[in-house]
Amino acid sequence: MIPSEYKERIKKELEDKMKNSVKIMVFTQEVECQFCAKTRQLVEELAALNDKIEAKIYDFVADSETAKKYGVNMVPAIAILGKKDYGIRFYGIPYGYEFQTLMETIINISRGKTDLSEKVKKKLEEMSVPIHIKVFVTLTCPYCPMVASIANKFAVENDSIRVDVVDVSEFLHLAQKYGVMGVPKKVINERIEFVGAVPEDIFLEHVLLAAHSTVPR
């Protein structure tokens, strides 16, 4: 899954930037679908490049209690844990452009912090309303990694935020349910929706709007 010519560069990036260990939980099934098998293989190859990455494989049916504990309701799914569970999930194989999102998320979780601006971090600190961000992507979308990474950074910085990065090409029923006509599409708390690449401060404004509209009046 990872081309041999890229492995040394990826290995060096992980060595240079990772701080603490992370566990990557892959949820698959006994009779693996095409993307289940490839997702498992990708994570196992990545874990082999750095001792701080541990890959754990779970069967969605046999390990249903574990899947339920981590809020996983479809496969393939990936949960990345550091010193704690930051609530970040990938649904579908994080390949193509989305491999960049996976790498950045692993590094940020290992460090327990992000490169978000101090202004954005301060606003995130002040927010305590539970936020669930769904980011719908495709593996061929060049703008999706930036948006998915911003959402994941929000989750690292605020325990009230959880994120699902969903490859709509693998989960067409969700594309239909949420009317995904273009990517990246974001759905926040089932209330706020918007499409396209935006900088972190604009993304945050949508999150704050969702938080405000979620608070009981």
Protein backbone atom coordinates (compact mmCIF):
# COMPACT_ATOMS: atom_id res chain seq x y z
CA MET A 1 0.00 0.00 0.00
CA ILE A 2 2.85 2.41 0.80
CA PRO A 3 5.20 2.64 -2.21
CA SER A 4 8.74 1.67 -1.27
CA GLU A 5 10.15 4.95 -2.61
CA TYR A 6 8.09 6.91 -0.04
CA LYS A 7 8.76 4.76 3.02
CA GLU A 8 12.05 6.38 4.04
CA ARG A 9 10.59 9.88 3.78
CA ILE A 10 7.54 8.87 5.83
CA LYS A 11 9.75 7.11 8.37
CA LYS A 12 11.90 10.21 8.81
CA GLU A 13 8.89 12.50 9.15
CA LEU A 14 7.44 10.31 11.89
CA GLU A 15 10.79 10.10 13.69
CA ASP A 16 11.27 13.87 13.54
CA LYS A 17 7.76 14.92 14.56
CA MET A 18 6.22 12.27 16.81
CA LYS A 19 6.60 12.70 20.56
CA ASN A 20 4.56 10.04 22.35
CA SER A 21 3.16 6.67 21.36
CA VAL A 22 -0.16 6.29 19.58
CA LYS A 23 -2.46 3.33 19.05
CA ILE A 24 -4.27 2.96 15.75
CA MET A 25 -7.38 0.80 16.09
CA VAL A 26 -8.64 -0.69 12.83
CA PHE A 27 -12.14 -2.13 12.74
CA THR A 28 -12.71 -4.64 9.97
CA GLN A 29 -14.72 -7.82 9.56
CA GLU A 30 -14.02 -11.54 9.20
CA VAL A 31 -14.85 -11.62 5.48
CA GLU A 32 -13.06 -8.41 4.59
CA CYS A 33 -14.45 -6.06 2.01
CA GLN A 34 -11.97 -4.66 -0.49
CA PHE A 35 -11.35 -1.50 1.47
CA CYS A 36 -11.34 -3.28 4.84
CA ALA A 37 -8.37 -5.40 3.80
CA LYS A 38 -6.51 -2.46 2.29
CA THR A 39 -7.17 -0.26 5.31
CA ARG A 40 -5.76 -2.90 7.63
CA GLN A 41 -2.73 -3.38 5.39
CA LEU A 42 -2.08 0.35 5.17
CA VAL A 43 -2.12 0.80 8.94
CA GLU A 44 0.07 -2.25 9.53
CA GLU A 45 2.62 -0.99 7.01
CA LEU A 46 2.60 2.45 8.62
CA ALA A 47 3.03 1.01 12.12
CA ALA A 48 6.05 -0.95 10.90
CA LEU A 49 7.80 2.34 10.11
CA ASN A 50 7.85 3.66 13.68
CA ASP A 51 8.05 1.96 17.09
CA LYS A 52 5.76 4.59 18.60
CA ILE A 53 2.83 3.42 16.46
CA GLU A 54 0.90 0.36 17.57
CA ALA A 55 -1.65 -1.16 15.21
CA LYS A 56 -4.53 -3.10 16.77
CA ILE A 57 -6.99 -4.96 14.55
CA TYR A 58 -10.57 -5.59 15.71
CA ASP A 59 -13.38 -7.60 14.19
CA PHE A 60 -16.50 -5.45 13.96
CA VAL A 61 -18.75 -8.39 14.93
CA ALA A 62 -16.57 -10.45 17.29
CA ASP A 63 -15.34 -7.29 19.03
CA SER A 64 -18.71 -5.53 18.94
CA GLU A 65 -18.41 -4.29 22.52
CA THR A 66 -15.13 -2.56 21.68
CA ALA A 67 -16.66 -1.08 18.54
CA LYS A 68 -19.60 0.18 20.59
CA LYS A 69 -17.28 1.63 23.23
CA TYR A 70 -15.50 3.71 20.59
CA GLY A 71 -18.66 4.66 18.73
CA VAL A 72 -17.76 2.74 15.60
CA ASN A 73 -20.85 1.74 13.63
CA MET A 74 -19.49 0.82 10.19
CA VAL A 75 -16.31 -0.50 8.57
CA PRO A 76 -13.61 0.03 7.63
CA ALA A 77 -13.00 2.38 10.53
CA ILE A 78 -9.92 3.81 12.21
CA ALA A 79 -9.63 5.31 15.69
CA ILE A 80 -6.36 6.93 16.74
CA LEU A 81 -5.59 7.17 20.45
CA GLY A 82 -2.76 8.96 22.21
CA LYS A 83 -2.63 9.71 25.92
CA LYS A 84 -6.41 9.77 25.60
CA ASP A 85 -9.13 9.26 23.01
CA TYR A 86 -9.55 12.53 21.13
CA GLY A 87 -12.71 11.32 19.39
CA ILE A 88 -11.21 11.26 15.89
CA ARG A 89 -12.45 8.56 13.51
CA PHE A 90 -11.71 7.77 9.88
CA TYR A 91 -14.36 5.84 7.95
CA GLY A 92 -12.94 4.41 4.76
CA ILE A 93 -9.35 3.99 3.71
CA PRO A 94 -7.25 7.16 4.30
CA TYR A 95 -5.33 6.84 1.07
CA GLY A 96 -4.59 9.16 -1.84
CA TYR A 97 -4.79 12.75 -0.65
CA GLU A 98 -6.25 11.58 2.66
CA PHE A 99 -3.02 9.82 3.64
CA GLN A 100 -1.74 13.32 4.38
CA THR A 101 -4.63 13.80 6.83
CA LEU A 102 -3.82 10.50 8.52
CA MET A 103 -0.15 11.37 8.92
CA GLU A 104 -0.82 14.83 10.31
CA THR A 105 -3.42 13.50 12.72
CA ILE A 106 -1.09 10.80 14.04
CA ILE A 107 1.62 13.39 14.65
CA ASN A 108 -0.74 15.86 16.36
CA ILE A 109 -2.19 13.16 18.62
CA SER A 110 1.29 11.97 19.55
CA ARG A 111 2.17 15.54 20.54
CA GLY A 112 -1.16 16.32 22.19
CA LYS A 113 -1.22 19.72 20.57
CA THR A 114 -1.53 21.38 17.17
CA ASP A 115 -0.29 24.34 15.16
CA LEU A 116 -3.63 26.17 15.26
CA SER A 117 -3.29 29.88 15.90
CA GLU A 118 -3.41 31.03 19.52
CA LYS A 119 -6.54 33.04 18.75
CA VAL A 120 -8.36 29.94 17.52
CA LYS A 121 -7.07 27.85 20.44
CA LYS A 122 -8.36 30.43 22.92
CA LYS A 123 -11.83 30.39 21.39
CA LEU A 124 -11.82 26.60 21.44
CA GLU A 125 -10.87 26.59 25.12
CA GLU A 126 -13.92 28.70 25.92
CA MET A 127 -16.33 26.27 24.25
CA SER A 128 -17.84 23.40 26.24
CA VAL A 129 -20.88 22.41 24.16
CA PRO A 130 -20.57 18.91 22.64
CA ILE A 131 -19.72 19.19 18.95
CA HIS A 132 -19.78 16.41 16.35
CA ILE A 133 -18.20 17.29 13.01
CA LYS A 134 -18.63 15.07 9.98
CA VAL A 135 -16.21 15.83 7.15
CA PHE A 136 -17.13 14.17 3.87
CA VAL A 137 -14.19 13.67 1.53
CA THR A 138 -13.01 11.72 -1.50
CA LEU A 139 -9.52 10.34 -1.99
CA THR A 140 -9.00 12.41 -5.15
CA CYS A 141 -10.01 15.78 -3.63
CA PRO A 142 -6.93 18.02 -3.18
CA TYR A 143 -8.77 20.42 -0.85
CA CYS A 144 -10.16 17.78 1.51
CA PRO A 145 -7.00 17.07 3.55
CA MET A 146 -6.70 20.68 4.74
CA VAL A 147 -10.31 20.78 5.92
CA ALA A 148 -10.24 17.32 7.51
CA SER A 149 -6.99 18.17 9.28
CA ILE A 150 -8.44 21.40 10.70
CA ALA A 151 -11.43 19.50 12.08
CA ASN A 152 -9.13 16.91 13.64
CA LYS A 153 -7.00 19.67 15.15
CA PHE A 154 -10.12 21.13 16.77
CA ALA A 155 -10.75 17.72 18.37
CA VAL A 156 -7.19 17.53 19.68
CA GLU A 157 -7.51 20.97 21.26
CA ASN A 158 -11.01 20.52 22.74
CA ASP A 159 -12.36 17.39 24.42
CA SER A 160 -15.94 18.42 23.61
CA ILE A 161 -15.32 18.00 19.88
CA ARG A 162 -15.35 14.70 18.00
CA VAL A 163 -14.78 14.22 14.30
CA ASP A 164 -15.69 11.65 11.67
CA VAL A 165 -13.78 11.87 8.39
CA VAL A 166 -15.87 9.91 5.89
CA ASP A 167 -14.93 8.82 2.38
CA VAL A 168 -18.27 9.23 0.61
CA SER A 169 -17.24 6.94 -2.25
CA GLU A 170 -17.27 4.05 0.25
CA PHE A 171 -20.42 5.07 2.12
CA LEU A 172 -22.85 6.12 -0.56
CA HIS A 173 -25.82 5.88 1.79
CA LEU A 174 -24.33 8.72 3.84
CA ALA A 175 -23.66 10.75 0.71
CA GLN A 176 -27.33 10.40 -0.12
CA LYS A 177 -28.52 11.06 3.44
CA TYR A 178 -26.53 14.29 3.74
CA GLY A 179 -26.94 15.40 0.14
CA VAL A 180 -23.23 15.41 -0.58
CA MET A 181 -22.95 16.94 -4.06
CA GLY A 182 -19.45 18.33 -3.55
CA VAL A 183 -16.51 17.85 -1.21
CA PRO A 184 -15.21 18.69 1.27
CA LYS A 185 -18.61 18.96 2.93
CA LYS A 186 -18.91 19.57 6.66
CA VAL A 187 -21.94 18.79 8.82
CA ILE A 188 -21.78 20.05 12.41
CA ASN A 189 -24.19 18.72 15.04
CA GLU A 190 -26.61 17.86 12.24
CA ARG A 191 -27.45 21.59 12.09
CA ILE A 192 -24.79 23.52 10.22
CA GLU A 193 -23.64 22.46 6.75
CA PHE A 194 -21.18 24.03 4.33
CA VAL A 195 -19.04 22.96 1.40
CA GLY A 196 -15.55 23.90 0.32
CA ALA A 197 -12.12 24.66 1.72
CA VAL A 198 -11.99 27.39 4.35
CA PRO A 199 -9.26 28.62 6.73
CA GLU A 200 -9.33 27.59 10.37
CA ASP A 201 -10.91 30.82 11.65
CA ILE A 202 -13.85 30.58 9.24
CA PHE A 203 -14.30 26.89 10.05
CA LEU A 204 -14.33 27.78 13.74
CA GLU A 205 -17.08 30.36 13.17
CA HIS A 206 -19.30 27.60 11.79
CA VAL A 207 -18.48 25.43 14.81
CA LEU A 208 -19.35 28.27 17.19
CA LEU A 209 -22.60 28.85 15.32
CA ALA A 210 -23.47 25.18 15.73
CA ALA A 211 -22.56 25.35 19.42
CA HIS A 212 -24.78 28.41 19.92
CA SER A 213 -27.73 26.81 18.13
CA THR A 214 -27.30 23.61 20.14
CA VAL A 215 -27.58 25.29 23.53
CA PRO A 216 -31.14 24.90 24.88
CA ARG A 217 -32.97 28.23 25.00
